[in-house]
Amino acid sequence: MPFINFKQGRRVQIWDGISGTLHHSDQITCGYILLTEGVELPEHHHVQEQWTHVIEGSLEFRIGQETMVLTPGMCAYIPSNVPHSGKALTACTAIDVFNPVREDFKKLETDQFSGR
C-alpha cells in the first residue's frame, strides 16, 4: 500500500476529543489526527519517539519542561519516554509519526472496529 488517503480511512477515537485515521508499516505508525478546540491531552509518555506536525490550528505543546504554541508548518519532536502534554487552542489537524509502531493504537482500532 504505497499511497494512503487518510480522509477515506476509518477514524479511531484515541481520547475524548482526539481522533484520527492511522496507518502502520513494519517500523512506524502514522496518524492524521483531529483535535477539537479546548481538548487537553494529559501528560503521558511512551517508548515510541514521536513527531507531531501541525497542519491546521494552534496547539499548545509541552515536552519535558518546555512549552510552545505550534501553528501550521511547525513540528514537535518527542524523544522516547519523555513526558509530554498538550491543549488544542483551536480545532487542530496534525500528522503524528511514531517509531516503533504503536501497538496500543493497533489494539484500539481492533477493539473499536470489531465492536468490542
PDB file of N, CA and C in Angstrom:
ATOM      1  N   MET A   1       0.850  -1.186   0.000  1.00  0.00           N
ATOM      2  CA  MET A   1       0.000   0.000   0.000  1.00  0.00           C
ATOM      3  C   MET A   1       0.893   1.247   0.000  1.00  0.00           C
ATOM      4  N   PRO A   2       1.392   1.660  -1.164  1.00  0.00           N
ATOM      5  CA  PRO A   2       2.309   2.794  -1.200  1.00  0.00           C
ATOM      6  C   PRO A   2       1.635   4.163  -1.123  1.00  0.00           C
ATOM      7  N   PHE A   3       0.328   4.242  -1.337  1.00  0.00           N
ATOM      8  CA  PHE A   3      -0.379   5.522  -1.293  1.00  0.00           C
ATOM      9  C   PHE A   3      -1.542   5.423  -0.323  1.00  0.00           C
ATOM     10  N   ILE A   4      -1.707   6.459   0.487  1.00  0.00           N
ATOM     11  CA  ILE A   4      -2.730   6.445   1.535  1.00  0.00           C
ATOM     12  C   ILE A   4      -3.527   7.741   1.467  1.00  0.00           C
ATOM     13  N   ASN A   5      -4.858   7.642   1.534  1.00  0.00           N
ATOM     14  CA  ASN A   5      -5.721   8.797   1.661  1.00  0.00           C
ATOM     15  C   ASN A   5      -6.314   8.744   3.066  1.00  0.00           C
ATOM     16  N   PHE A   6      -5.749   9.519   3.979  1.00  0.00           N
ATOM     17  CA  PHE A   6      -6.200   9.500   5.364  1.00  0.00           C
ATOM     18  C   PHE A   6      -7.669   9.899   5.503  1.00  0.00           C
ATOM     19  N   LYS A   7      -8.177  10.710   4.607  1.00  0.00           N
ATOM     20  CA  LYS A   7      -9.557  11.180   4.695  1.00  0.00           C
ATOM     21  C   LYS A   7     -10.559  10.092   4.331  1.00  0.00           C
ATOM     22  N   GLN A   8     -10.113   8.990   3.743  1.00  0.00           N
ATOM     23  CA  GLN A   8     -11.011   7.889   3.401  1.00  0.00           C
ATOM     24  C   GLN A   8     -10.924   6.732   4.392  1.00  0.00           C
ATOM     25  N   GLY A   9     -10.019   6.801   5.351  1.00  0.00           N
ATOM     26  CA  GLY A   9      -9.868   5.713   6.313  1.00  0.00           C
ATOM     27  C   GLY A   9     -10.890   5.782   7.435  1.00  0.00           C
ATOM     28  N   ARG A  10     -10.974   4.710   8.184  1.00  0.00           N
ATOM     29  CA  ARG A  10     -11.870   4.681   9.351  1.00  0.00           C
ATOM     30  C   ARG A  10     -11.184   5.411  10.506  1.00  0.00           C
ATOM     31  N   ARG A  11     -11.933   6.312  11.139  1.00  0.00           N
ATOM     32  CA  ARG A  11     -11.379   7.121  12.212  1.00  0.00           C
ATOM     33  C   ARG A  11     -11.532   6.403  13.547  1.00  0.00           C
ATOM     34  N   VAL A  12     -10.436   6.346  14.300  1.00  0.00           N
ATOM     35  CA  VAL A  12     -10.427   5.725  15.613  1.00  0.00           C
ATOM     36  C   VAL A  12     -10.451   6.831  16.679  1.00  0.00           C
ATOM     37  N   GLN A  13     -11.196   6.589  17.763  1.00  0.00           N
ATOM     38  CA  GLN A  13     -11.234   7.520  18.896  1.00  0.00           C
ATOM     39  C   GLN A  13     -10.031   7.200  19.779  1.00  0.00           C
ATOM     40  N   ILE A  14      -9.081   8.126  19.874  1.00  0.00           N
ATOM     41  CA  ILE A  14      -7.868   7.899  20.655  1.00  0.00           C
ATOM     42  C   ILE A  14      -8.098   8.318  22.103  1.00  0.00           C
ATOM     43  N   TRP A  15      -8.601   9.535  22.316  1.00  0.00           N
ATOM     44  CA  TRP A  15      -9.043  10.045  23.608  1.00  0.00           C
ATOM     45  C   TRP A  15     -10.280  10.882  23.335  1.00  0.00           C
ATOM     46  N   ASP A  16     -10.997  11.280  24.386  1.00  0.00           N
ATOM     47  CA  ASP A  16     -12.128  12.186  24.187  1.00  0.00           C
ATOM     48  C   ASP A  16     -11.625  13.435  23.484  1.00  0.00           C
ATOM     49  N   GLY A  17     -12.238  13.782  22.364  1.00  0.00           N
ATOM     50  CA  GLY A  17     -11.870  14.982  21.625  1.00  0.00           C
ATOM     51  C   GLY A  17     -10.680  14.816  20.693  1.00  0.00           C
ATOM     52  N   ILE A  18     -10.092  13.615  20.662  1.00  0.00           N
ATOM     53  CA  ILE A  18      -8.938  13.356  19.795  1.00  0.00           C
ATOM     54  C   ILE A  18      -9.199  12.065  19.029  1.00  0.00           C
ATOM     55  N   SER A  19      -9.237  12.196  17.707  1.00  0.00           N
ATOM     56  CA  SER A  19      -9.487  11.023  16.867  1.00  0.00           C
ATOM     57  C   SER A  19      -8.561  11.097  15.664  1.00  0.00           C
ATOM     58  N   GLY A  20      -8.481   9.988  14.946  1.00  0.00           N
ATOM     59  CA  GLY A  20      -7.634  10.023  13.773  1.00  0.00           C
ATOM     60  C   GLY A  20      -7.703   8.758  12.950  1.00  0.00           C
ATOM     61  N   THR A  21      -7.159   8.878  11.769  1.00  0.00           N
ATOM     62  CA  THR A  21      -7.000   7.749  10.878  1.00  0.00           C
ATOM     63  C   THR A  21      -5.548   7.317  10.971  1.00  0.00           C
ATOM     64  N   LEU A  22      -5.317   6.031  11.216  1.00  0.00           N
ATOM     65  CA  LEU A  22      -3.968   5.525  11.460  1.00  0.00           C
ATOM     66  C   LEU A  22      -3.558   4.521  10.395  1.00  0.00           C
ATOM     67  N   HIS A  23      -2.292   4.528  10.087  1.00  0.00           N
ATOM     68  CA  HIS A  23      -1.712   3.518   9.201  1.00  0.00           C
ATOM     69  C   HIS A  23      -0.389   3.080   9.800  1.00  0.00           C
ATOM     70  N   HIS A  24      -0.060   1.810   9.619  1.00  0.00           N
ATOM     71  CA  HIS A  24       1.124   1.228  10.237  1.00  0.00           C
ATOM     72  C   HIS A  24       1.963   0.512   9.183  1.00  0.00           C
ATOM     73  N   SER A  25       3.273   0.706   9.266  1.00  0.00           N
ATOM     74  CA  SER A  25       4.199  -0.110   8.481  1.00  0.00           C
ATOM     75  C   SER A  25       4.862  -1.067   9.469  1.00  0.00           C
ATOM     76  N   ASP A  26       5.882  -1.740   9.054  1.00  0.00           N
ATOM     77  CA  ASP A  26       6.616  -2.600   9.983  1.00  0.00           C
ATOM     78  C   ASP A  26       7.388  -1.778  11.008  1.00  0.00           C
ATOM     79  N   GLN A  27       7.675  -0.514  10.688  1.00  0.00           N
ATOM     80  CA  GLN A  27       8.540   0.308  11.538  1.00  0.00           C
ATOM     81  C   GLN A  27       7.850   1.477  12.233  1.00  0.00           C
ATOM     82  N   ILE A  28       6.818   2.054  11.597  1.00  0.00           N
ATOM     83  CA  ILE A  28       6.206   3.265  12.155  1.00  0.00           C
ATOM     84  C   ILE A  28       4.680   3.198  12.151  1.00  0.00           C
ATOM     85  N   THR A  29       4.101   4.071  12.968  1.00  0.00           N
ATOM     86  CA  THR A  29       2.669   4.380  12.912  1.00  0.00           C
ATOM     87  C   THR A  29       2.568   5.839  12.501  1.00  0.00           C
ATOM     88  N   CYS A  30       1.703   6.103  11.527  1.00  0.00           N
ATOM     89  CA  CYS A  30       1.472   7.465  11.053  1.00  0.00           C
ATOM     90  C   CYS A  30      -0.014   7.748  11.197  1.00  0.00           C
ATOM     91  N   GLY A  31      -0.345   8.888  11.794  1.00  0.00           N
ATOM     92  CA  GLY A  31      -1.745   9.227  12.007  1.00  0.00           C
ATOM     93  C   GLY A  31      -2.095  10.613  11.524  1.00  0.00           C
ATOM     94  N   TYR A  32      -3.286  10.730  10.949  1.00  0.00           N
ATOM     95  CA  TYR A  32      -3.889  12.006  10.580  1.00  0.00           C
ATOM     96  C   TYR A  32      -4.850  12.310  11.720  1.00  0.00           C
ATOM     97  N   ILE A  33      -4.480  13.246  12.596  1.00  0.00           N
ATOM     98  CA  ILE A  33      -5.133  13.424  13.891  1.00  0.00           C
ATOM     99  C   ILE A  33      -5.966  14.700  13.915  1.00  0.00           C
ATOM    100  N   LEU A  34      -7.192  14.583  14.429  1.00  0.00           N
ATOM    101  CA  LEU A  34      -8.102  15.717  14.581  1.00  0.00           C
ATOM    102  C   LEU A  34      -8.329  15.962  16.073  1.00  0.00           C
ATOM    103  N   LEU A  35      -8.141  17.209  16.501  1.00  0.00           N
ATOM    104  CA  LEU A  35      -8.342  17.588  17.894  1.00  0.00           C
ATOM    105  C   LEU A  35      -9.419  18.670  17.960  1.00  0.00           C
ATOM    106  N   THR A  36     -10.400  18.506  18.832  1.00  0.00           N
ATOM    107  CA  THR A  36     -11.435  19.523  18.987  1.00  0.00           C
ATOM    108  C   THR A  36     -10.894  20.675  19.829  1.00  0.00           C
ATOM    109  N   GLU A  37     -11.412  21.857  19.571  1.00  0.00           N
ATOM    110  CA  GLU A  37     -10.967  23.043  20.297  1.00  0.00           C
ATOM    111  C   GLU A  37     -11.127  22.834  21.802  1.00  0.00           C
ATOM    112  N   GLY A  38     -10.078  23.173  22.556  1.00  0.00           N
ATOM    113  CA  GLY A  38     -10.112  23.106  24.009  1.00  0.00           C
ATOM    114  C   GLY A  38      -9.738  21.762  24.602  1.00  0.00           C
ATOM    115  N   VAL A  39      -9.635  20.725  23.788  1.00  0.00           N
ATOM    116  CA  VAL A  39      -9.309  19.413  24.337  1.00  0.00           C
ATOM    117  C   VAL A  39      -7.889  19.427  24.902  1.00  0.00           C
ATOM    118  N   GLU A  40      -7.743  18.769  26.049  1.00  0.00           N
ATOM    119  CA  GLU A  40      -6.433  18.672  26.683  1.00  0.00           C
ATOM    120  C   GLU A  40      -5.930  17.243  26.604  1.00  0.00           C
ATOM    121  N   LEU A  41      -4.705  17.107  26.181  1.00  0.00           N
ATOM    122  CA  LEU A  41      -4.021  15.823  26.140  1.00  0.00           C
ATOM    123  C   LEU A  41      -3.249  15.713  27.445  1.00  0.00           C
ATOM    124  N   PRO A  42      -3.640  14.799  28.336  1.00  0.00           N
ATOM    125  CA  PRO A  42      -2.967  14.725  29.634  1.00  0.00           C
ATOM    126  C   PRO A  42      -1.506  14.315  29.481  1.00  0.00           C
ATOM    127  N   GLU A  43      -0.712  14.710  30.460  1.00  0.00           N
ATOM    128  CA  GLU A  43       0.706  14.332  30.429  1.00  0.00           C
ATOM    129  C   GLU A  43       0.829  12.810  30.398  1.00  0.00           C
ATOM    130  N   HIS A  44       1.682  12.329  29.526  1.00  0.00           N
ATOM    131  CA  HIS A  44       1.919  10.899  29.381  1.00  0.00           C
ATOM    132  C   HIS A  44       3.277  10.707  28.725  1.00  0.00           C
ATOM    133  N   HIS A  45       3.687   9.478  28.601  1.00  0.00           N
ATOM    134  CA  HIS A  45       4.920   9.160  27.879  1.00  0.00           C
ATOM    135  C   HIS A  45       4.777   7.765  27.315  1.00  0.00           C
ATOM    136  N   HIS A  46       5.602   7.454  26.346  1.00  0.00           N
ATOM    137  CA  HIS A  46       5.585   6.126  25.720  1.00  0.00           C
ATOM    138  C   HIS A  46       6.966   5.843  25.160  1.00  0.00           C
ATOM    139  N   VAL A  47       7.220   4.586  24.901  1.00  0.00           N
ATOM    140  CA  VAL A  47       8.539   4.171  24.417  1.00  0.00           C
ATOM    141  C   VAL A  47       8.820   4.702  23.012  1.00  0.00           C
ATOM    142  N   GLN A  48       7.784   4.956  22.228  1.00  0.00           N
ATOM    143  CA  GLN A  48       7.976   5.436  20.860  1.00  0.00           C
ATOM    144  C   GLN A  48       8.476   6.882  20.862  1.00  0.00           C
ATOM    145  N   GLU A  49       9.403   7.201  19.948  1.00  0.00           N
ATOM    146  CA  GLU A  49       9.655   8.608  19.674  1.00  0.00           C
ATOM    147  C   GLU A  49       8.494   9.089  18.820  1.00  0.00           C
ATOM    148  N   GLN A  50       8.206  10.367  18.900  1.00  0.00           N
ATOM    149  CA  GLN A  50       7.031  10.919  18.214  1.00  0.00           C
ATOM    150  C   GLN A  50       7.396  12.231  17.542  1.00  0.00           C
ATOM    151  N   TRP A  51       6.852  12.412  16.347  1.00  0.00           N
ATOM    152  CA  TRP A  51       6.916  13.688  15.639  1.00  0.00           C
ATOM    153  C   TRP A  51       5.476  14.142  15.446  1.00  0.00           C
ATOM    154  N   THR A  52       5.155  15.373  15.828  1.00  0.00           N
ATOM    155  CA  THR A  52       3.831  15.940  15.629  1.00  0.00           C
ATOM    156  C   THR A  52       3.965  17.179  14.760  1.00  0.00           C
ATOM    157  N   HIS A  53       3.340  17.142  13.582  1.00  0.00           N
ATOM    158  CA  HIS A  53       3.396  18.244  12.619  1.00  0.00           C
ATOM    159  C   HIS A  53       1.992  18.844  12.513  1.00  0.00           C
ATOM    160  N   VAL A  54       1.859  20.113  12.879  1.00  0.00           N
ATOM    161  CA  VAL A  54       0.555  20.781  12.838  1.00  0.00           C
ATOM    162  C   VAL A  54       0.253  21.229  11.408  1.00  0.00           C
ATOM    163  N   ILE A  55      -0.916  20.834  10.928  1.00  0.00           N
ATOM    164  CA  ILE A  55      -1.385  21.185   9.585  1.00  0.00           C
ATOM    165  C   ILE A  55      -2.340  22.379   9.647  1.00  0.00           C
ATOM    166  N   GLU A  56      -3.257  22.351  10.632  1.00  0.00           N
ATOM    167  CA  GLU A  56      -4.233  23.431  10.822  1.00  0.00           C
ATOM    168  C   GLU A  56      -4.419  23.672  12.308  1.00  0.00           C
ATOM    169  N   GLY A  57      -4.650  24.935  12.683  1.00  0.00           N
ATOM    170  CA  GLY A  57      -4.973  25.270  14.055  1.00  0.00           C
ATOM    171  C   GLY A  57      -3.766  25.640  14.893  1.00  0.00           C
ATOM    172  N   SER A  58      -4.023  25.808  16.195  1.00  0.00           N
ATOM    173  CA  SER A  58      -2.989  26.162  17.171  1.00  0.00           C
ATOM    174  C   SER A  58      -3.009  25.141  18.295  1.00  0.00           C
ATOM    175  N   LEU A  59      -1.850  24.569  18.575  1.00  0.00           N
ATOM    176  CA  LEU A  59      -1.713  23.507  19.566  1.00  0.00           C
ATOM    177  C   LEU A  59      -0.623  23.869  20.554  1.00  0.00           C
ATOM    178  N   GLU A  60      -1.013  24.083  21.817  1.00  0.00           N
ATOM    179  CA  GLU A  60      -0.015  24.316  22.861  1.00  0.00           C
ATOM    180  C   GLU A  60       0.555  22.958  23.259  1.00  0.00           C
ATOM    181  N   PHE A  61       1.861  22.827  23.198  1.00  0.00           N
ATOM    182  CA  PHE A  61       2.502  21.531  23.425  1.00  0.00           C
ATOM    183  C   PHE A  61       3.587  21.698  24.471  1.00  0.00           C
ATOM    184  N   ARG A  62       3.602  20.779  25.419  1.00  0.00           N
ATOM    185  CA  ARG A  62       4.634  20.779  26.459  1.00  0.00           C
ATOM    186  C   ARG A  62       5.424  19.485  26.334  1.00  0.00           C
ATOM    187  N   ILE A  63       6.739  19.616  26.237  1.00  0.00           N
ATOM    188  CA  ILE A  63       7.648  18.469  26.172  1.00  0.00           C
ATOM    189  C   ILE A  63       8.659  18.651  27.290  1.00  0.00           C
ATOM    190  N   GLY A  64       8.657  17.738  28.249  1.00  0.00           N
ATOM    191  CA  GLY A  64       9.516  17.922  29.418  1.00  0.00           C
ATOM    192  C   GLY A  64       9.108  19.191  30.133  1.00  0.00           C
ATOM    193  N   GLN A  65      10.015  20.155  30.247  1.00  0.00           N
ATOM    194  CA  GLN A  65       9.721  21.418  30.928  1.00  0.00           C
ATOM    195  C   GLN A  65       9.534  22.582  29.954  1.00  0.00           C
ATOM    196  N   GLU A  66       9.513  22.297  28.655  1.00  0.00           N
ATOM    197  CA  GLU A  66       9.423  23.350  27.646  1.00  0.00           C
ATOM    198  C   GLU A  66       8.041  23.356  26.988  1.00  0.00           C
ATOM    199  N   THR A  67       7.449  24.563  26.855  1.00  0.00           N
ATOM    200  CA  THR A  67       6.134  24.714  26.244  1.00  0.00           C
ATOM    201  C   THR A  67       6.226  25.656  25.048  1.00  0.00           C
ATOM    202  N   MET A  68       5.498  25.320  23.977  1.00  0.00           N
ATOM    203  CA  MET A  68       5.449  26.182  22.795  1.00  0.00           C
ATOM    204  C   MET A  68       4.085  26.034  22.140  1.00  0.00           C
ATOM    205  N   VAL A  69       3.617  27.100  21.523  1.00  0.00           N
ATOM    206  CA  VAL A  69       2.393  27.048  20.727  1.00  0.00           C
ATOM    207  C   VAL A  69       2.807  26.732  19.296  1.00  0.00           C
ATOM    208  N   LEU A  70       2.302  25.604  18.802  1.00  0.00           N
ATOM    209  CA  LEU A  70       2.581  25.182  17.438  1.00  0.00           C
ATOM    210  C   LEU A  70       1.459  25.649  16.522  1.00  0.00           C
ATOM    211  N   THR A  71       1.829  26.188  15.372  1.00  0.00           N
ATOM    212  CA  THR A  71       0.881  26.634  14.362  1.00  0.00           C
ATOM    213  C   THR A  71       1.231  25.930  13.052  1.00  0.00           C
ATOM    214  N   PRO A  72       0.396  26.052  12.025  1.00  0.00           N
ATOM    215  CA  PRO A  72       0.641  25.311  10.793  1.00  0.00           C
ATOM    216  C   PRO A  72       2.077  25.447  10.279  1.00  0.00           C
ATOM    217  N   GLY A  73       2.635  24.283   9.951  1.00  0.00           N
ATOM    218  CA  GLY A  73       4.006  24.216   9.459  1.00  0.00           C
ATOM    219  C   GLY A  73       5.030  23.922  10.546  1.00  0.00           C
ATOM    220  N   MET A  74       4.615  23.990  11.819  1.00  0.00           N
ATOM    221  CA  MET A  74       5.546  23.716  12.916  1.00  0.00           C
ATOM    222  C   MET A  74       5.447  22.250  13.331  1.00  0.00           C
ATOM    223  N   CYS A  75       6.526  21.744  13.892  1.00  0.00           N
ATOM    224  CA  CYS A  75       6.616  20.339  14.274  1.00  0.00           C
ATOM    225  C   CYS A  75       7.257  20.226  15.647  1.00  0.00           C
ATOM    226  N   ALA A  76       6.844  19.228  16.402  1.00  0.00           N
ATOM    227  CA  ALA A  76       7.455  18.923  17.696  1.00  0.00           C
ATOM    228  C   ALA A  76       8.046  17.524  17.636  1.00  0.00           C
ATOM    229  N   TYR A  77       9.224  17.362  18.207  1.00  0.00           N
ATOM    230  CA  TYR A  77       9.860  16.053  18.315  1.00  0.00           C
ATOM    231  C   TYR A  77       9.871  15.657  19.785  1.00  0.00           C
ATOM    232  N   ILE A  78       9.319  14.494  20.097  1.00  0.00           N
ATOM    233  CA  ILE A  78       9.268  13.983  21.465  1.00  0.00           C
ATOM    234  C   ILE A  78      10.120  12.721  21.516  1.00  0.00           C
ATOM    235  N   PRO A  79      11.254  12.761  22.217  1.00  0.00           N
ATOM    236  CA  PRO A  79      12.074  11.556  22.339  1.00  0.00           C
ATOM    237  C   PRO A  79      11.354  10.474  23.142  1.00  0.00           C
ATOM    238  N   SER A  80      11.826   9.269  23.040  1.00  0.00           N
ATOM    239  CA  SER A  80      11.275   8.126  23.756  1.00  0.00           C
ATOM    240  C   SER A  80      11.204   8.403  25.255  1.00  0.00           C
ATOM    241  N   ASN A  81      10.050   8.086  25.850  1.00  0.00           N
ATOM    242  CA  ASN A  81       9.798   8.150  27.290  1.00  0.00           C
ATOM    243  C   ASN A  81       9.876   9.535  27.912  1.00  0.00           C
ATOM    244  N   VAL A  82       9.833  10.599  27.122  1.00  0.00           N
ATOM    245  CA  VAL A  82       9.817  11.956  27.667  1.00  0.00           C
ATOM    246  C   VAL A  82       8.362  12.368  27.900  1.00  0.00           C
ATOM    247  N   PRO A  83       8.025  12.816  29.120  1.00  0.00           N
ATOM    248  CA  PRO A  83       6.649  13.243  29.394  1.00  0.00           C
ATOM    249  C   PRO A  83       6.262  14.430  28.499  1.00  0.00           C
ATOM    250  N   HIS A  84       5.022  14.393  28.006  1.00  0.00           N
ATOM    251  CA  HIS A  84       4.521  15.480  27.178  1.00  0.00           C
ATOM    252  C   HIS A  84       3.009  15.597  27.345  1.00  0.00           C
ATOM    253  N   SER A  85       2.495  16.780  27.018  1.00  0.00           N
ATOM    254  CA  SER A  85       1.064  17.054  27.126  1.00  0.00           C
ATOM    255  C   SER A  85       0.730  18.157  26.135  1.00  0.00           C
ATOM    256  N   GLY A  86      -0.555  18.430  25.978  1.00  0.00           N
ATOM    257  CA  GLY A  86      -0.938  19.470  25.043  1.00  0.00           C
ATOM    258  C   GLY A  86      -2.348  19.956  25.262  1.00  0.00           C
ATOM    259  N   LYS A  87      -2.657  21.068  24.584  1.00  0.00           N
ATOM    260  CA  LYS A  87      -4.013  21.611  24.599  1.00  0.00           C
ATOM    261  C   LYS A  87      -4.270  22.238  23.236  1.00  0.00           C
ATOM    262  N   ALA A  88      -5.395  21.868  22.622  1.00  0.00           N
ATOM    263  CA  ALA A  88      -5.792  22.457  21.345  1.00  0.00           C
ATOM    264  C   ALA A  88      -6.406  23.824  21.624  1.00  0.00           C
ATOM    265  N   LEU A  89      -5.704  24.873  21.251  1.00  0.00           N
ATOM    266  CA  LEU A  89      -6.214  26.228  21.459  1.00  0.00           C
ATOM    267  C   LEU A  89      -7.333  26.542  20.470  1.00  0.00           C
ATOM    268  N   THR A  90      -7.307  25.854  19.328  1.00  0.00           N
ATOM    269  CA  THR A  90      -8.366  25.902  18.319  1.00  0.00           C
ATOM    270  C   THR A  90      -8.561  24.464  17.856  1.00  0.00           C
ATOM    271  N   ALA A  91      -9.530  24.238  17.007  1.00  0.00           N
ATOM    272  CA  ALA A  91      -9.612  22.924  16.361  1.00  0.00           C
ATOM    273  C   ALA A  91      -8.306  22.737  15.589  1.00  0.00           C
ATOM    274  N   CYS A  92      -7.751  21.532  15.641  1.00  0.00           N
ATOM    275  CA  CYS A  92      -6.441  21.282  15.024  1.00  0.00           C
ATOM    276  C   CYS A  92      -6.460  20.017  14.181  1.00  0.00           C
ATOM    277  N   THR A  93      -5.607  20.026  13.176  1.00  0.00           N
ATOM    278  CA  THR A  93      -5.292  18.840  12.402  1.00  0.00           C
ATOM    279  C   THR A  93      -3.776  18.683  12.466  1.00  0.00           C
ATOM    280  N   ALA A  94      -3.331  17.469  12.738  1.00  0.00           N
ATOM    281  CA  ALA A  94      -1.889  17.217  12.847  1.00  0.00           C
ATOM    282  C   ALA A  94      -1.558  15.858  12.243  1.00  0.00           C
ATOM    283  N   ILE A  95      -0.326  15.715  11.854  1.00  0.00           N
ATOM    284  CA  ILE A  95       0.208  14.416  11.448  1.00  0.00           C
ATOM    285  C   ILE A  95       1.126  13.964  12.575  1.00  0.00           C
ATOM    286  N   ASP A  96       0.851  12.795  13.142  1.00  0.00           N
ATOM    287  CA  ASP A  96       1.704  12.197  14.177  1.00  0.00           C
ATOM    288  C   ASP A  96       2.418  10.994  13.584  1.00  0.00           C
ATOM    289  N   VAL A  97       3.713  10.913  13.834  1.00  0.00           N
ATOM    290  CA  VAL A  97       4.503   9.769  13.387  1.00  0.00           C
ATOM    291  C   VAL A  97       5.207   9.194  14.607  1.00  0.00           C
ATOM    292  N   PHE A  98       5.088   7.869  14.784  1.00  0.00           N
ATOM    293  CA  PHE A  98       5.668   7.170  15.923  1.00  0.00           C
ATOM    294  C   PHE A  98       6.612   6.075  15.439  1.00  0.00           C
ATOM    295  N   ASN A  99       7.740   5.956  16.126  1.00  0.00           N
ATOM    296  CA  ASN A  99       8.685   4.878  15.840  1.00  0.00           C
ATOM    297  C   ASN A  99       9.170   4.315  17.179  1.00  0.00           C
ATOM    298  N   PRO A 100       8.999   3.021  17.429  1.00  0.00           N
ATOM    299  CA  PRO A 100       8.387   1.999  16.582  1.00  0.00           C
ATOM    300  C   PRO A 100       6.858   2.102  16.576  1.00  0.00           C
ATOM    301  N   VAL A 101       6.234   1.137  15.940  1.00  0.00           N
ATOM    302  CA  VAL A 101       4.783   1.076  15.781  1.00  0.00           C
ATOM    303  C   VAL A 101       4.080   1.169  17.137  1.00  0.00           C
ATOM    304  N   ARG A 102       2.936   1.883  17.167  1.00  0.00           N
ATOM    305  CA  ARG A 102       2.095   1.963  18.364  1.00  0.00           C
ATOM    306  C   ARG A 102       1.167   0.761  18.392  1.00  0.00           C
ATOM    307  N   GLU A 103       1.585  -0.285  19.063  1.00  0.00           N
ATOM    308  CA  GLU A 103       0.754  -1.495  19.176  1.00  0.00           C
ATOM    309  C   GLU A 103      -0.540  -1.192  19.925  1.00  0.00           C
ATOM    310  N   ASP A 104      -0.507  -0.244  20.888  1.00  0.00           N
ATOM    311  CA  ASP A 104      -1.724   0.118  21.610  1.00  0.00           C
ATOM    312  C   ASP A 104      -2.739   0.779  20.679  1.00  0.00           C
ATOM    313  N   PHE A 105      -2.284   1.531  19.692  1.00  0.00           N
ATOM    314  CA  PHE A 105      -3.203   2.116  18.721  1.00  0.00           C
ATOM    315  C   PHE A 105      -3.783   1.035  17.815  1.00  0.00           C
ATOM    316  N   LYS A 106      -2.970   0.058  17.436  1.00  0.00           N
ATOM    317  CA  LYS A 106      -3.487  -1.052  16.629  1.00  0.00           C
ATOM    318  C   LYS A 106      -4.589  -1.781  17.393  1.00  0.00           C
ATOM    319  N   LYS A 107      -4.401  -1.943  18.712  1.00  0.00           N
ATOM    320  CA  LYS A 107      -5.425  -2.599  19.541  1.00  0.00           C
ATOM    321  C   LYS A 107      -6.691  -1.744  19.613  1.00  0.00           C
ATOM    322  N   LEU A 108      -6.534  -0.425  19.749  1.00  0.00           N
ATOM    323  CA  LEU A 108      -7.699   0.474  19.737  1.00  0.00           C
ATOM    324  C   LEU A 108      -8.513   0.286  18.461  1.00  0.00           C
ATOM    325  N   GLU A 109      -7.818   0.231  17.337  1.00  0.00           N
ATOM    326  CA  GLU A 109      -8.512   0.029  16.058  1.00  0.00           C
ATOM    327  C   GLU A 109      -9.251  -1.298  16.052  1.00  0.00           C
ATOM    328  N   THR A 110      -8.592  -2.350  16.472  1.00  0.00           N
ATOM    329  CA  THR A 110      -9.215  -3.675  16.501  1.00  0.00           C
ATOM    330  C   THR A 110     -10.445  -3.668  17.394  1.00  0.00           C
ATOM    331  N   ASP A 111     -10.310  -3.090  18.595  1.00  0.00           N
ATOM    332  CA  ASP A 111     -11.429  -3.056  19.548  1.00  0.00           C
ATOM    333  C   ASP A 111     -12.595  -2.234  19.027  1.00  0.00           C
ATOM    334  N   GLN A 112     -12.300  -1.041  18.480  1.00  0.00           N
ATOM    335  CA  GLN A 112     -13.380  -0.155  18.031  1.00  0.00           C
ATOM    336  C   GLN A 112     -14.051  -0.649  16.767  1.00  0.00           C
ATOM    337  N   PHE A 113     -13.294  -1.237  15.868  1.00  0.00           N
ATOM    338  CA  PHE A 113     -13.865  -1.660  14.594  1.00  0.00           C
ATOM    339  C   PHE A 113     -14.487  -3.044  14.660  1.00  0.00           C
ATOM    340  N   SER A 114     -14.173  -3.809  15.716  1.00  0.00           N
ATOM    341  CA  SER A 114     -14.798  -5.120  15.851  1.00  0.00           C
ATOM    342  C   SER A 114     -16.015  -5.066  16.766  1.00  0.00           C
ATOM    343  N   GLY A 115     -16.284  -3.871  17.356  1.00  0.00           N
ATOM    344  CA  GLY A 115     -17.446  -3.726  18.202  1.00  0.00           C
ATOM    345  C   GLY A 115     -17.233  -4.121  19.650  1.00  0.00           C
ATOM    346  N   ARG A 116     -15.988  -4.301  20.064  1.00  0.00           N
ATOM    347  CA  ARG A 116     -15.717  -4.665  21.462  1.00  0.00           C
ATOM    348  C   ARG A 116     -15.840  -3.498  22.382  1.00  0.00           C
TER     349      ARG A 116
END
